Amino acid sequence: MVIEMVTSSVFWLNMFPANDGISMTMSPRTIVTGLLADYNKHCRIEFGAYEQTHEEHDNSMMTRRTGAIALRRAGNAQGGYHFYSLATGCRIFRIRWTEQPMPQQVIDRIHVLA
């Protein structure tokens, strides 16, 4: 999670023009990639928020949602995000999720995984 937090912080530092940078109106990210910031894609959830990610499913009894912690945006055109799965302890990528309040069981699970 620390690596993802640093990656997310660097992303946000590069989203705004630097006071002593080349341009006073363009961010370093825009200068290098040519892509502008899009609030609807980049600011959907914040780092560390508890989410229920929507899993691909069929009509079986398999789980349709997984509890996860939001890490950072994936950088794709669909606006997907990377999450830390509380079930497996691995990083997962999802396009759809539902934000939930952080229950005590989630905090306890994170302590177990740490």
N, C-alpha and C. Protein backbone atom coordinates (compact mmCIF):
# COMPACT_ATOMS: atom_id res chain seq x y z
N MET A 1 0.82 -1.20 0.00
CA MET A 1 0.00 0.00 0.00
C MET A 1 0.86 1.26 0.00
N VAL A 2 2.05 1.18 0.59
CA VAL A 2 2.92 2.35 0.64
C VAL A 2 3.37 2.74 -0.76
N ILE A 3 3.71 1.75 -1.59
CA ILE A 3 4.13 2.03 -2.96
C ILE A 3 3.01 2.69 -3.74
N GLU A 4 1.79 2.19 -3.57
CA GLU A 4 0.64 2.77 -4.26
C GLU A 4 0.37 4.20 -3.78
N MET A 5 0.57 4.45 -2.48
CA MET A 5 0.36 5.79 -1.94
C MET A 5 1.38 6.77 -2.53
N VAL A 6 2.63 6.34 -2.67
CA VAL A 6 3.66 7.20 -3.26
C VAL A 6 3.35 7.45 -4.73
N THR A 7 2.94 6.41 -5.45
CA THR A 7 2.58 6.57 -6.86
C THR A 7 1.43 7.54 -7.03
N SER A 8 0.44 7.43 -6.17
CA SER A 8 -0.70 8.34 -6.21
C SER A 8 -0.28 9.77 -5.90
N SER A 9 0.60 9.94 -4.93
CA SER A 9 1.07 11.28 -4.55
C SER A 9 1.85 11.93 -5.70
N VAL A 10 2.69 11.16 -6.37
CA VAL A 10 3.46 11.69 -7.51
C VAL A 10 2.51 12.07 -8.64
N PHE A 11 1.49 11.26 -8.88
CA PHE A 11 0.50 11.58 -9.90
C PHE A 11 -0.13 12.94 -9.62
N TRP A 12 -0.54 13.17 -8.35
CA TRP A 12 -1.20 14.43 -8.02
C TRP A 12 -0.24 15.61 -8.03
N LEU A 13 1.01 15.39 -7.67
CA LEU A 13 2.00 16.47 -7.74
C LEU A 13 2.21 16.92 -9.19
N ASN A 14 2.12 15.99 -10.13
CA ASN A 14 2.32 16.31 -11.53
C ASN A 14 1.05 16.82 -12.22
N MET A 15 -0.06 16.89 -11.50
CA MET A 15 -1.30 17.37 -12.09
C MET A 15 -1.44 18.89 -12.07
N PHE A 16 -0.61 19.56 -11.29
CA PHE A 16 -0.73 21.01 -11.15
C PHE A 16 0.56 21.69 -11.59
N PRO A 17 0.45 22.88 -12.17
CA PRO A 17 1.66 23.60 -12.60
C PRO A 17 2.55 23.93 -11.40
N ALA A 18 3.84 23.77 -11.60
CA ALA A 18 4.81 24.10 -10.55
C ALA A 18 5.07 25.60 -10.55
N ASN A 19 5.28 26.16 -9.37
CA ASN A 19 5.54 27.60 -9.26
C ASN A 19 6.80 28.01 -9.99
N ASP A 20 7.81 27.15 -9.98
CA ASP A 20 9.07 27.47 -10.64
C ASP A 20 9.26 26.61 -11.89
N GLY A 21 8.17 26.15 -12.49
CA GLY A 21 8.24 25.25 -13.64
C GLY A 21 8.34 25.99 -14.96
N ILE A 22 8.29 25.22 -16.03
CA ILE A 22 8.40 25.75 -17.39
C ILE A 22 7.20 26.60 -17.74
N SER A 23 6.01 26.14 -17.36
CA SER A 23 4.78 26.83 -17.71
C SER A 23 4.00 27.17 -16.44
N MET A 24 3.37 28.31 -16.44
CA MET A 24 2.54 28.72 -15.31
C MET A 24 1.11 28.22 -15.46
N THR A 25 0.73 27.71 -16.65
CA THR A 25 -0.64 27.28 -16.89
C THR A 25 -0.76 25.79 -17.17
N MET A 26 0.31 25.13 -17.59
CA MET A 26 0.25 23.71 -17.92
C MET A 26 0.99 22.89 -16.88
N SER A 27 0.39 21.78 -16.49
CA SER A 27 1.01 20.89 -15.51
C SER A 27 2.11 20.06 -16.17
N PRO A 28 3.05 19.53 -15.38
CA PRO A 28 4.07 18.65 -15.95
C PRO A 28 3.46 17.45 -16.68
N ARG A 29 2.38 16.91 -16.16
CA ARG A 29 1.71 15.78 -16.82
C ARG A 29 1.19 16.18 -18.19
N THR A 30 0.59 17.35 -18.30
CA THR A 30 0.06 17.82 -19.57
C THR A 30 1.19 18.09 -20.56
N ILE A 31 2.29 18.65 -20.10
CA ILE A 31 3.43 18.93 -20.98
C ILE A 31 4.01 17.63 -21.55
N VAL A 32 4.15 16.61 -20.71
CA VAL A 32 4.77 15.36 -21.15
C VAL A 32 3.81 14.49 -21.96
N THR A 33 2.58 14.32 -21.48
CA THR A 33 1.65 13.38 -22.13
C THR A 33 0.67 14.05 -23.09
N GLY A 34 0.42 15.33 -22.90
CA GLY A 34 -0.56 16.03 -23.72
C GLY A 34 -1.99 15.81 -23.25
N LEU A 35 -2.17 15.12 -22.12
CA LEU A 35 -3.50 14.84 -21.59
C LEU A 35 -3.88 15.85 -20.52
N LEU A 36 -5.10 16.34 -20.59
CA LEU A 36 -5.59 17.26 -19.59
C LEU A 36 -6.25 16.51 -18.45
N ALA A 37 -6.34 17.15 -17.31
CA ALA A 37 -7.01 16.56 -16.15
C ALA A 37 -8.51 16.55 -16.39
N ASP A 38 -9.13 15.44 -16.01
CA ASP A 38 -10.58 15.30 -16.12
C ASP A 38 -11.11 14.95 -14.74
N TYR A 39 -11.84 15.86 -14.14
CA TYR A 39 -12.36 15.66 -12.79
C TYR A 39 -13.19 14.39 -12.67
N ASN A 40 -14.01 14.11 -13.67
CA ASN A 40 -14.90 12.94 -13.61
C ASN A 40 -14.14 11.62 -13.65
N LYS A 41 -12.91 11.60 -14.16
CA LYS A 41 -12.11 10.38 -14.19
C LYS A 41 -11.11 10.32 -13.06
N HIS A 42 -10.48 11.44 -12.75
CA HIS A 42 -9.37 11.45 -11.80
C HIS A 42 -9.79 11.60 -10.35
N CYS A 43 -10.97 12.10 -10.10
CA CYS A 43 -11.38 12.41 -8.72
C CYS A 43 -12.63 11.65 -8.31
N ARG A 44 -12.75 10.42 -8.71
CA ARG A 44 -13.95 9.65 -8.37
C ARG A 44 -13.92 9.14 -6.94
N ILE A 45 -12.76 8.72 -6.47
CA ILE A 45 -12.61 8.24 -5.10
C ILE A 45 -11.25 8.65 -4.57
N GLU A 46 -11.10 8.67 -3.26
CA GLU A 46 -9.82 9.05 -2.68
C GLU A 46 -9.06 7.84 -2.19
N PHE A 47 -7.77 7.98 -2.05
CA PHE A 47 -6.92 6.90 -1.57
C PHE A 47 -7.37 6.45 -0.19
N GLY A 48 -7.48 5.14 0.02
CA GLY A 48 -7.82 4.59 1.33
C GLY A 48 -9.29 4.46 1.61
N ALA A 49 -10.16 4.82 0.67
CA ALA A 49 -11.60 4.69 0.89
C ALA A 49 -12.01 3.22 0.77
N TYR A 50 -13.00 2.81 1.56
CA TYR A 50 -13.51 1.45 1.51
C TYR A 50 -14.57 1.35 0.43
N GLU A 51 -14.41 0.37 -0.44
CA GLU A 51 -15.32 0.18 -1.57
C GLU A 51 -15.77 -1.28 -1.64
N GLN A 52 -16.93 -1.49 -2.22
CA GLN A 52 -17.38 -2.82 -2.60
C GLN A 52 -17.22 -2.88 -4.12
N THR A 53 -16.22 -3.62 -4.59
CA THR A 53 -15.98 -3.70 -6.03
C THR A 53 -16.93 -4.73 -6.64
N HIS A 54 -17.41 -4.43 -7.84
CA HIS A 54 -18.34 -5.31 -8.54
C HIS A 54 -17.55 -6.33 -9.34
N GLU A 55 -17.77 -7.61 -9.06
CA GLU A 55 -17.06 -8.69 -9.74
C GLU A 55 -17.85 -9.16 -10.95
N GLU A 56 -17.12 -9.69 -11.95
CA GLU A 56 -17.81 -10.31 -13.07
C GLU A 56 -18.46 -11.58 -12.55
N HIS A 57 -19.68 -11.84 -12.99
CA HIS A 57 -20.41 -12.99 -12.46
C HIS A 57 -21.34 -13.55 -13.52
N ASP A 58 -21.76 -14.75 -13.27
CA ASP A 58 -22.82 -15.36 -14.07
C ASP A 58 -24.00 -15.59 -13.14
N ASN A 59 -24.86 -16.47 -13.46
CA ASN A 59 -26.06 -16.67 -12.65
C ASN A 59 -25.84 -17.72 -11.56
N SER A 60 -24.60 -17.90 -11.09
CA SER A 60 -24.30 -18.89 -10.07
C SER A 60 -24.29 -18.24 -8.69
N MET A 61 -23.87 -18.99 -7.71
CA MET A 61 -23.83 -18.48 -6.33
C MET A 61 -22.50 -17.80 -6.00
N MET A 62 -21.66 -17.56 -6.98
CA MET A 62 -20.38 -16.88 -6.75
C MET A 62 -20.64 -15.46 -6.24
N THR A 63 -19.69 -14.95 -5.47
CA THR A 63 -19.84 -13.61 -4.91
C THR A 63 -19.85 -12.56 -6.03
N ARG A 64 -20.64 -11.54 -5.85
CA ARG A 64 -20.75 -10.48 -6.85
C ARG A 64 -20.02 -9.22 -6.45
N ARG A 65 -19.62 -9.14 -5.19
CA ARG A 65 -18.89 -7.98 -4.70
C ARG A 65 -17.76 -8.43 -3.79
N THR A 66 -16.71 -7.61 -3.76
CA THR A 66 -15.57 -7.88 -2.89
C THR A 66 -15.20 -6.60 -2.17
N GLY A 67 -14.95 -6.68 -0.88
CA GLY A 67 -14.51 -5.52 -0.12
C GLY A 67 -13.07 -5.17 -0.50
N ALA A 68 -12.80 -3.90 -0.70
CA ALA A 68 -11.48 -3.47 -1.13
C ALA A 68 -11.20 -2.05 -0.67
N ILE A 69 -9.92 -1.71 -0.64
CA ILE A 69 -9.46 -0.36 -0.31
C ILE A 69 -8.97 0.30 -1.59
N ALA A 70 -9.44 1.51 -1.86
CA ALA A 70 -9.05 2.24 -3.07
C ALA A 70 -7.59 2.65 -2.99
N LEU A 71 -6.84 2.38 -4.07
CA LEU A 71 -5.42 2.74 -4.11
C LEU A 71 -5.18 3.94 -5.03
N ARG A 72 -5.40 3.76 -6.33
CA ARG A 72 -5.15 4.85 -7.27
C ARG A 72 -5.86 4.56 -8.58
N ARG A 73 -5.95 5.58 -9.41
CA ARG A 73 -6.58 5.38 -10.72
C ARG A 73 -5.62 4.60 -11.61
N ALA A 74 -6.17 3.87 -12.55
CA ALA A 74 -5.37 3.00 -13.41
C ALA A 74 -4.77 3.75 -14.59
N GLY A 75 -5.36 4.85 -14.99
CA GLY A 75 -4.83 5.62 -16.11
C GLY A 75 -5.40 5.21 -17.45
N ASN A 76 -6.44 4.39 -17.46
CA ASN A 76 -7.04 3.99 -18.73
C ASN A 76 -8.19 4.92 -19.10
N ALA A 77 -8.69 4.76 -20.32
CA ALA A 77 -9.75 5.64 -20.81
C ALA A 77 -11.09 5.38 -20.12
N GLN A 78 -11.29 4.17 -19.58
CA GLN A 78 -12.56 3.84 -18.95
C GLN A 78 -12.68 4.41 -17.55
N GLY A 79 -11.60 4.88 -16.97
CA GLY A 79 -11.65 5.45 -15.63
C GLY A 79 -11.57 4.41 -14.53
N GLY A 80 -10.90 3.28 -14.79
CA GLY A 80 -10.76 2.22 -13.79
C GLY A 80 -9.79 2.60 -12.68
N TYR A 81 -9.86 1.86 -11.60
CA TYR A 81 -9.01 2.09 -10.43
C TYR A 81 -8.38 0.79 -9.97
N HIS A 82 -7.26 0.93 -9.28
CA HIS A 82 -6.63 -0.20 -8.61
C HIS A 82 -7.12 -0.21 -7.17
N PHE A 83 -7.39 -1.40 -6.66
CA PHE A 83 -7.87 -1.60 -5.29
C PHE A 83 -7.03 -2.65 -4.60
N TYR A 84 -7.03 -2.62 -3.28
CA TYR A 84 -6.40 -3.64 -2.46
C TYR A 84 -7.51 -4.54 -1.94
N SER A 85 -7.54 -5.77 -2.43
CA SER A 85 -8.61 -6.70 -2.06
C SER A 85 -8.43 -7.15 -0.62
N LEU A 86 -9.48 -7.05 0.18
CA LEU A 86 -9.43 -7.51 1.56
C LEU A 86 -9.59 -9.02 1.65
N ALA A 87 -10.09 -9.65 0.61
CA ALA A 87 -10.26 -11.10 0.61
C ALA A 87 -8.94 -11.80 0.32
N THR A 88 -8.16 -11.29 -0.65
CA THR A 88 -6.94 -11.98 -1.07
C THR A 88 -5.67 -11.27 -0.63
N GLY A 89 -5.75 -9.98 -0.34
CA GLY A 89 -4.55 -9.23 0.00
C GLY A 89 -3.74 -8.83 -1.23
N CYS A 90 -4.34 -8.92 -2.41
CA CYS A 90 -3.67 -8.58 -3.66
C CYS A 90 -4.29 -7.33 -4.27
N ARG A 91 -3.54 -6.71 -5.18
CA ARG A 91 -4.05 -5.56 -5.92
C ARG A 91 -4.94 -6.05 -7.05
N ILE A 92 -6.12 -5.44 -7.18
CA ILE A 92 -7.05 -5.79 -8.25
C ILE A 92 -7.42 -4.53 -9.02
N PHE A 93 -7.89 -4.71 -10.24
CA PHE A 93 -8.33 -3.61 -11.09
C PHE A 93 -9.82 -3.76 -11.34
N ARG A 94 -10.57 -2.68 -11.13
CA ARG A 94 -12.01 -2.71 -11.37
C ARG A 94 -12.46 -1.40 -12.00
N ILE A 95 -13.54 -1.49 -12.75
CA ILE A 95 -14.13 -0.30 -13.38
C ILE A 95 -15.35 0.17 -12.60
N ARG A 96 -16.03 -0.78 -11.92
CA ARG A 96 -17.24 -0.43 -11.18
C ARG A 96 -17.08 -0.77 -9.70
N TRP A 97 -17.62 0.10 -8.84
CA TRP A 97 -17.56 -0.10 -7.40
C TRP A 97 -18.61 0.76 -6.74
N THR A 98 -18.86 0.48 -5.45
CA THR A 98 -19.79 1.26 -4.65
C THR A 98 -19.07 1.65 -3.36
N GLU A 99 -19.02 2.94 -3.07
CA GLU A 99 -18.36 3.41 -1.86
C GLU A 99 -19.22 3.10 -0.64
N GLN A 100 -18.56 2.66 0.42
CA GLN A 100 -19.23 2.28 1.65
C GLN A 100 -18.55 2.95 2.83
N PRO A 101 -19.25 3.11 3.95
CA PRO A 101 -18.59 3.59 5.16
C PRO A 101 -17.63 2.51 5.68
N MET A 102 -16.56 2.93 6.35
CA MET A 102 -15.53 1.99 6.83
C MET A 102 -15.98 1.35 8.14
N PRO A 103 -16.37 0.05 8.13
CA PRO A 103 -16.76 -0.61 9.37
C PRO A 103 -15.52 -1.08 10.14
N GLN A 104 -15.71 -1.40 11.40
CA GLN A 104 -14.61 -1.86 12.25
C GLN A 104 -14.01 -3.17 11.75
N GLN A 105 -14.82 -4.03 11.14
CA GLN A 105 -14.31 -5.30 10.62
C GLN A 105 -13.27 -5.08 9.53
N VAL A 106 -13.43 -4.04 8.73
CA VAL A 106 -12.46 -3.73 7.68
C VAL A 106 -11.15 -3.28 8.31
N ILE A 107 -11.22 -2.44 9.31
CA ILE A 107 -10.02 -1.97 10.00
C ILE A 107 -9.29 -3.16 10.63
N ASP A 108 -10.03 -4.07 11.24
CA ASP A 108 -9.41 -5.27 11.82
C ASP A 108 -8.76 -6.14 10.76
N ARG A 109 -9.40 -6.30 9.60
CA ARG A 109 -8.85 -7.11 8.51
C ARG A 109 -7.55 -6.49 7.98
N ILE A 110 -7.50 -5.18 7.86
CA ILE A 110 -6.29 -4.51 7.39
C ILE A 110 -5.15 -4.74 8.37
N HIS A 111 -5.44 -4.71 9.66
CA HIS A 111 -4.41 -4.99 10.66
C HIS A 111 -3.91 -6.43 10.55
N VAL A 112 -4.80 -7.37 10.25
CA VAL A 112 -4.38 -8.76 10.07
C VAL A 112 -3.49 -8.89 8.84
N LEU A 113 -3.85 -8.23 7.73
CA LEU A 113 -3.05 -8.30 6.52
C LEU A 113 -1.71 -7.61 6.67
N ALA A 114 -1.66 -6.58 7.52
CA ALA A 114 -0.39 -5.85 7.71
C ALA A 114 0.56 -6.69 8.52
